[in-house]
Amino acid sequence: MNELNKMLSEVNTFIFDYDGVMTDGTVYMDSNGDPLRTSNVKDGYALQLASKLGFHLAVISGAVVTNITKRLNMLGVKDVFTGVPDKVLKLEEYMEQYYLTPNQIIYMGDDIPDLKVMQRVGVPVCPADAAEEVKQISAYISHCPGGNGCVRDVIERTLKIQGKWLTAEAYSW
């Protein structure tokens, strides 16, 4: 078993940044000036499957993103933290709340504000279009860019390593 597969075999928690990971980083504005973002349904499928399988799921974002919680909750992401000024502190609180160790956690980030939190987890990962500094510290770089399947990629890869990918739960939405 290679080193990445060994790391993935111990994971029970997925934590994601939002903009640039679950989205492509583009922010549209509606007629009222409110920001709108798009998300990928394949990422959504993987999130809900990981939730059904008992994985911890969270989003930690520095951006104030008000319209994402409902969709993420529907997908099984119960812990959605936006407007977070200190991602490391939020990570430490989350780890304490769920009795997690760093080796149990994947964190997917894409830009400079994610560097410090990525250095605190066992499996730092990023999308294909992440900042070079983020790529340098990542244990895995998805072949997919942010908002275009990178979340699905890392969840699917982890579930396959753990023998949980094509189980009965995978066939229902």
C-alpha atoms as a PDB file:
ATOM      1  CA  MET A   1       0.000   0.000   0.000  1.00  0.00           C
ATOM      2  CA  ASN A   2       1.516   3.336  -0.972  1.00  0.00           C
ATOM      3  CA  GLU A   3       1.766   6.209   1.505  1.00  0.00           C
ATOM      4  CA  LEU A   4      -1.297   8.106   0.224  1.00  0.00           C
ATOM      5  CA  ASN A   5      -3.480   5.002   0.350  1.00  0.00           C
ATOM      6  CA  LYS A   6      -2.323   4.321   3.913  1.00  0.00           C
ATOM      7  CA  MET A   7      -3.239   7.884   4.876  1.00  0.00           C
ATOM      8  CA  LEU A   8      -6.665   7.621   3.206  1.00  0.00           C
ATOM      9  CA  SER A   9      -7.399   4.331   4.966  1.00  0.00           C
ATOM     10  CA  GLU A  10      -7.436   6.147   8.322  1.00  0.00           C
ATOM     11  CA  VAL A  11      -9.755   9.014   7.294  1.00  0.00           C
ATOM     12  CA  ASN A  12     -13.196   9.436   8.856  1.00  0.00           C
ATOM     13  CA  THR A  13     -13.592  13.187   8.299  1.00  0.00           C
ATOM     14  CA  PHE A  14     -13.745  15.442   5.251  1.00  0.00           C
ATOM     15  CA  ILE A  15     -13.403  19.204   5.712  1.00  0.00           C
ATOM     16  CA  PHE A  16     -13.588  21.560   2.759  1.00  0.00           C
ATOM     17  CA  ASP A  17     -13.045  25.196   2.025  1.00  0.00           C
ATOM     18  CA  TYR A  18     -15.967  26.513  -0.017  1.00  0.00           C
ATOM     19  CA  ASP A  19     -15.014  29.049  -2.684  1.00  0.00           C
ATOM     20  CA  GLY A  20     -12.508  27.554  -5.100  1.00  0.00           C
ATOM     21  CA  VAL A  21     -13.115  24.006  -3.844  1.00  0.00           C
ATOM     22  CA  MET A  22     -16.866  23.413  -3.899  1.00  0.00           C
ATOM     23  CA  THR A  23     -17.186  26.191  -6.472  1.00  0.00           C
ATOM     24  CA  ASP A  24     -15.018  27.247  -9.374  1.00  0.00           C
ATOM     25  CA  GLY A  25     -14.340  30.518  -7.585  1.00  0.00           C
ATOM     26  CA  THR A  26     -16.675  32.543  -9.790  1.00  0.00           C
ATOM     27  CA  VAL A  27     -19.148  34.744  -7.931  1.00  0.00           C
ATOM     28  CA  TYR A  28     -22.175  35.956  -9.872  1.00  0.00           C
ATOM     29  CA  MET A  29     -24.259  38.838  -8.594  1.00  0.00           C
ATOM     30  CA  ASP A  30     -28.057  38.874  -8.746  1.00  0.00           C
ATOM     31  CA  SER A  31     -30.099  42.016  -9.417  1.00  0.00           C
ATOM     32  CA  ASN A  32     -29.971  42.906  -5.711  1.00  0.00           C
ATOM     33  CA  GLY A  33     -26.195  42.626  -5.598  1.00  0.00           C
ATOM     34  CA  ASP A  34     -26.303  39.361  -3.645  1.00  0.00           C
ATOM     35  CA  PRO A  35     -23.621  36.816  -4.556  1.00  0.00           C
ATOM     36  CA  LEU A  36     -24.595  33.562  -6.286  1.00  0.00           C
ATOM     37  CA  ARG A  37     -22.405  30.501  -6.675  1.00  0.00           C
ATOM     38  CA  THR A  38     -22.767  27.257  -8.592  1.00  0.00           C
ATOM     39  CA  SER A  39     -21.997  23.784  -7.294  1.00  0.00           C
ATOM     40  CA  ASN A  40     -21.357  20.413  -8.896  1.00  0.00           C
ATOM     41  CA  VAL A  41     -23.964  17.635  -8.561  1.00  0.00           C
ATOM     42  CA  LYS A  42     -21.288  14.921  -8.677  1.00  0.00           C
ATOM     43  CA  ASP A  43     -19.638  16.557  -5.682  1.00  0.00           C
ATOM     44  CA  GLY A  44     -23.075  16.578  -4.049  1.00  0.00           C
ATOM     45  CA  TYR A  45     -23.576  12.885  -4.701  1.00  0.00           C
ATOM     46  CA  ALA A  46     -20.255  12.034  -3.074  1.00  0.00           C
ATOM     47  CA  LEU A  47     -20.994  14.249  -0.066  1.00  0.00           C
ATOM     48  CA  GLN A  48     -24.365  12.622   0.619  1.00  0.00           C
ATOM     49  CA  LEU A  49     -22.859   9.151   0.225  1.00  0.00           C
ATOM     50  CA  ALA A  50     -20.039   9.917   2.664  1.00  0.00           C
ATOM     51  CA  SER A  51     -22.643  11.225   5.099  1.00  0.00           C
ATOM     52  CA  LYS A  52     -24.728   8.032   4.781  1.00  0.00           C
ATOM     53  CA  LEU A  53     -21.595   6.020   5.459  1.00  0.00           C
ATOM     54  CA  GLY A  54     -20.995   7.882   8.726  1.00  0.00           C
ATOM     55  CA  PHE A  55     -18.147  10.208   7.798  1.00  0.00           C
ATOM     56  CA  HIS A  56     -17.885  13.602   9.490  1.00  0.00           C
ATOM     57  CA  LEU A  57     -18.356  16.394   6.936  1.00  0.00           C
ATOM     58  CA  ALA A  58     -17.689  20.091   7.395  1.00  0.00           C
ATOM     59  CA  VAL A  59     -17.097  23.298   5.492  1.00  0.00           C
ATOM     60  CA  ILE A  60     -14.841  25.988   6.925  1.00  0.00           C
ATOM     61  CA  SER A  61     -14.873  29.173   4.878  1.00  0.00           C
ATOM     62  CA  GLY A  62     -13.498  32.614   5.516  1.00  0.00           C
ATOM     63  CA  ALA A  63     -16.133  34.087   3.217  1.00  0.00           C
ATOM     64  CA  VAL A  64     -19.522  35.110   4.513  1.00  0.00           C
ATOM     65  CA  VAL A  65     -21.646  32.785   2.409  1.00  0.00           C
ATOM     66  CA  THR A  66     -25.267  32.932   3.513  1.00  0.00           C
ATOM     67  CA  ASN A  67     -27.047  30.818   0.904  1.00  0.00           C
ATOM     68  CA  ILE A  68     -25.093  27.551   1.063  1.00  0.00           C
ATOM     69  CA  THR A  69     -26.103  26.042   4.394  1.00  0.00           C
ATOM     70  CA  LYS A  70     -29.471  24.666   3.263  1.00  0.00           C
ATOM     71  CA  ARG A  71     -28.018  22.758   0.290  1.00  0.00           C
ATOM     72  CA  LEU A  72     -25.056  21.454   2.266  1.00  0.00           C
ATOM     73  CA  ASN A  73     -27.316  20.327   5.115  1.00  0.00           C
ATOM     74  CA  MET A  74     -29.499  18.451   2.590  1.00  0.00           C
ATOM     75  CA  LEU A  75     -26.349  16.639   1.437  1.00  0.00           C
ATOM     76  CA  GLY A  76     -25.448  15.635   4.988  1.00  0.00           C
ATOM     77  CA  VAL A  77     -22.925  18.384   5.728  1.00  0.00           C
ATOM     78  CA  LYS A  78     -24.221  19.416   9.140  1.00  0.00           C
ATOM     79  CA  ASP A  79     -21.257  21.543  10.159  1.00  0.00           C
ATOM     80  CA  VAL A  80     -21.064  24.622   7.933  1.00  0.00           C
ATOM     81  CA  PHE A  81     -18.910  27.459   9.235  1.00  0.00           C
ATOM     82  CA  THR A  82     -18.730  30.644   7.161  1.00  0.00           C
ATOM     83  CA  GLY A  83     -17.183  34.002   7.904  1.00  0.00           C
ATOM     84  CA  VAL A  84     -14.459  32.229   9.892  1.00  0.00           C
ATOM     85  CA  PRO A  85     -11.544  34.594  10.599  1.00  0.00           C
ATOM     86  CA  ASP A  86      -9.267  31.867  12.032  1.00  0.00           C
ATOM     87  CA  LYS A  87      -9.607  28.512  10.287  1.00  0.00           C
ATOM     88  CA  VAL A  88      -7.029  26.843  12.524  1.00  0.00           C
ATOM     89  CA  LEU A  89      -8.991  27.740  15.659  1.00  0.00           C
ATOM     90  CA  LYS A  90     -12.220  26.453  14.063  1.00  0.00           C
ATOM     91  CA  LEU A  91     -10.456  23.221  13.073  1.00  0.00           C
ATOM     92  CA  GLU A  92      -9.167  22.735  16.623  1.00  0.00           C
ATOM     93  CA  GLU A  93     -12.670  23.314  18.046  1.00  0.00           C
ATOM     94  CA  TYR A  94     -14.119  20.845  15.543  1.00  0.00           C
ATOM     95  CA  MET A  95     -11.488  18.225  16.377  1.00  0.00           C
ATOM     96  CA  GLU A  96     -12.209  18.622  20.077  1.00  0.00           C
ATOM     97  CA  GLN A  97     -15.971  18.408  19.547  1.00  0.00           C
ATOM     98  CA  TYR A  98     -15.708  15.101  17.655  1.00  0.00           C
ATOM     99  CA  TYR A  99     -12.584  13.697  19.383  1.00  0.00           C
ATOM    100  CA  LEU A 100     -10.613  13.659  16.138  1.00  0.00           C
ATOM    101  CA  THR A 101      -6.903  13.281  15.569  1.00  0.00           C
ATOM    102  CA  PRO A 102      -5.134  14.911  12.601  1.00  0.00           C
ATOM    103  CA  ASN A 103      -4.606  11.594  10.776  1.00  0.00           C
ATOM    104  CA  GLN A 104      -8.389  11.094  10.583  1.00  0.00           C
ATOM    105  CA  ILE A 105      -8.931  14.326   8.636  1.00  0.00           C
ATOM    106  CA  ILE A 106      -8.763  15.332   4.993  1.00  0.00           C
ATOM    107  CA  TYR A 107      -8.852  19.079   4.441  1.00  0.00           C
ATOM    108  CA  MET A 108      -9.245  20.355   0.890  1.00  0.00           C
ATOM    109  CA  GLY A 109      -8.194  23.932   0.327  1.00  0.00           C
ATOM    110  CA  ASP A 110      -7.187  25.957  -2.680  1.00  0.00           C
ATOM    111  CA  ASP A 111      -5.541  29.202  -1.640  1.00  0.00           C
ATOM    112  CA  ILE A 112      -3.257  30.970   0.826  1.00  0.00           C
ATOM    113  CA  PRO A 113      -5.847  31.256   3.670  1.00  0.00           C
ATOM    114  CA  ASP A 114      -5.987  27.432   3.714  1.00  0.00           C
ATOM    115  CA  LEU A 115      -2.258  26.818   4.206  1.00  0.00           C
ATOM    116  CA  LYS A 116      -2.099  26.887   8.007  1.00  0.00           C
ATOM    117  CA  VAL A 117      -5.159  24.698   8.493  1.00  0.00           C
ATOM    118  CA  MET A 118      -3.910  22.235   5.877  1.00  0.00           C
ATOM    119  CA  GLN A 119      -0.654  21.899   7.822  1.00  0.00           C
ATOM    120  CA  ARG A 120      -2.642  20.753  10.889  1.00  0.00           C
ATOM    121  CA  VAL A 121      -4.401  17.753   9.293  1.00  0.00           C
ATOM    122  CA  GLY A 122      -3.148  14.320   8.327  1.00  0.00           C
ATOM    123  CA  VAL A 123      -4.216  14.501   4.684  1.00  0.00           C
ATOM    124  CA  PRO A 124      -4.037  17.947   3.060  1.00  0.00           C
ATOM    125  CA  VAL A 125      -5.444  17.881  -0.483  1.00  0.00           C
ATOM    126  CA  CYS A 126      -6.315  20.419  -3.158  1.00  0.00           C
ATOM    127  CA  PRO A 127      -8.003  20.907  -6.534  1.00  0.00           C
ATOM    128  CA  ALA A 128      -5.966  20.950  -9.747  1.00  0.00           C
ATOM    129  CA  ASP A 129      -6.174  24.740  -9.986  1.00  0.00           C
ATOM    130  CA  ALA A 130      -5.045  25.507  -6.429  1.00  0.00           C
ATOM    131  CA  ALA A 131      -2.352  28.068  -5.665  1.00  0.00           C
ATOM    132  CA  GLU A 132       1.174  26.718  -6.104  1.00  0.00           C
ATOM    133  CA  GLU A 133       1.916  27.104  -2.377  1.00  0.00           C
ATOM    134  CA  VAL A 134      -1.085  24.901  -1.583  1.00  0.00           C
ATOM    135  CA  LYS A 135      -0.046  22.287  -4.124  1.00  0.00           C
ATOM    136  CA  GLN A 136       3.418  22.127  -2.540  1.00  0.00           C
ATOM    137  CA  ILE A 137       2.040  20.977   0.835  1.00  0.00           C
ATOM    138  CA  SER A 138      -0.699  18.695  -0.501  1.00  0.00           C
ATOM    139  CA  ALA A 139      -0.522  14.932  -0.098  1.00  0.00           C
ATOM    140  CA  TYR A 140      -2.840  14.670  -3.100  1.00  0.00           C
ATOM    141  CA  ILE A 141      -3.711  17.044  -5.943  1.00  0.00           C
ATOM    142  CA  SER A 142      -6.998  16.193  -7.622  1.00  0.00           C
ATOM    143  CA  HIS A 143      -7.031  16.020 -11.404  1.00  0.00           C
ATOM    144  CA  CYS A 144     -10.230  18.118 -11.225  1.00  0.00           C
ATOM    145  CA  PRO A 145     -10.340  21.887 -10.717  1.00  0.00           C
ATOM    146  CA  GLY A 146     -12.391  23.543  -7.987  1.00  0.00           C
ATOM    147  CA  GLY A 147     -16.143  23.298  -8.493  1.00  0.00           C
ATOM    148  CA  ASN A 148     -15.712  20.639 -11.161  1.00  0.00           C
ATOM    149  CA  GLY A 149     -15.531  17.325  -9.340  1.00  0.00           C
ATOM    150  CA  CYS A 150     -12.543  17.676  -7.020  1.00  0.00           C
ATOM    151  CA  VAL A 151     -14.710  16.990  -3.953  1.00  0.00           C
ATOM    152  CA  ARG A 152     -16.098  13.858  -5.621  1.00  0.00           C
ATOM    153  CA  ASP A 153     -12.593  12.812  -6.603  1.00  0.00           C
ATOM    154  CA  VAL A 154     -11.146  12.896  -3.091  1.00  0.00           C
ATOM    155  CA  ILE A 155     -14.220  11.291  -1.480  1.00  0.00           C
ATOM    156  CA  GLU A 156     -14.411   8.554  -4.133  1.00  0.00           C
ATOM    157  CA  ARG A 157     -10.686   7.813  -3.855  1.00  0.00           C
ATOM    158  CA  THR A 158     -10.981   7.526  -0.052  1.00  0.00           C
ATOM    159  CA  LEU A 159     -14.085   5.321  -0.148  1.00  0.00           C
ATOM    160  CA  LYS A 160     -12.485   3.009  -2.712  1.00  0.00           C
ATOM    161  CA  ILE A 161      -9.381   2.580  -0.542  1.00  0.00           C
ATOM    162  CA  GLN A 162     -11.639   1.779   2.418  1.00  0.00           C
ATOM    163  CA  GLY A 163     -13.791  -0.674   0.415  1.00  0.00           C
ATOM    164  CA  LYS A 164     -16.898   1.504   0.812  1.00  0.00           C
ATOM    165  CA  TRP A 165     -17.416   2.828  -2.719  1.00  0.00           C
ATOM    166  CA  LEU A 166     -19.951   0.548  -4.428  1.00  0.00           C
ATOM    167  CA  THR A 167     -21.880  -0.552  -1.358  1.00  0.00           C
ATOM    168  CA  ALA A 168     -25.688  -0.671  -1.124  1.00  0.00           C
ATOM    169  CA  GLU A 169     -25.756   2.961   0.059  1.00  0.00           C
ATOM    170  CA  ALA A 170     -24.134   4.051  -3.202  1.00  0.00           C
ATOM    171  CA  TYR A 171     -27.204   3.146  -5.247  1.00  0.00           C
ATOM    172  CA  SER A 172     -29.666   5.492  -3.551  1.00  0.00           C
ATOM    173  CA  TRP A 173     -29.701   9.253  -3.505  1.00  0.00           C
END
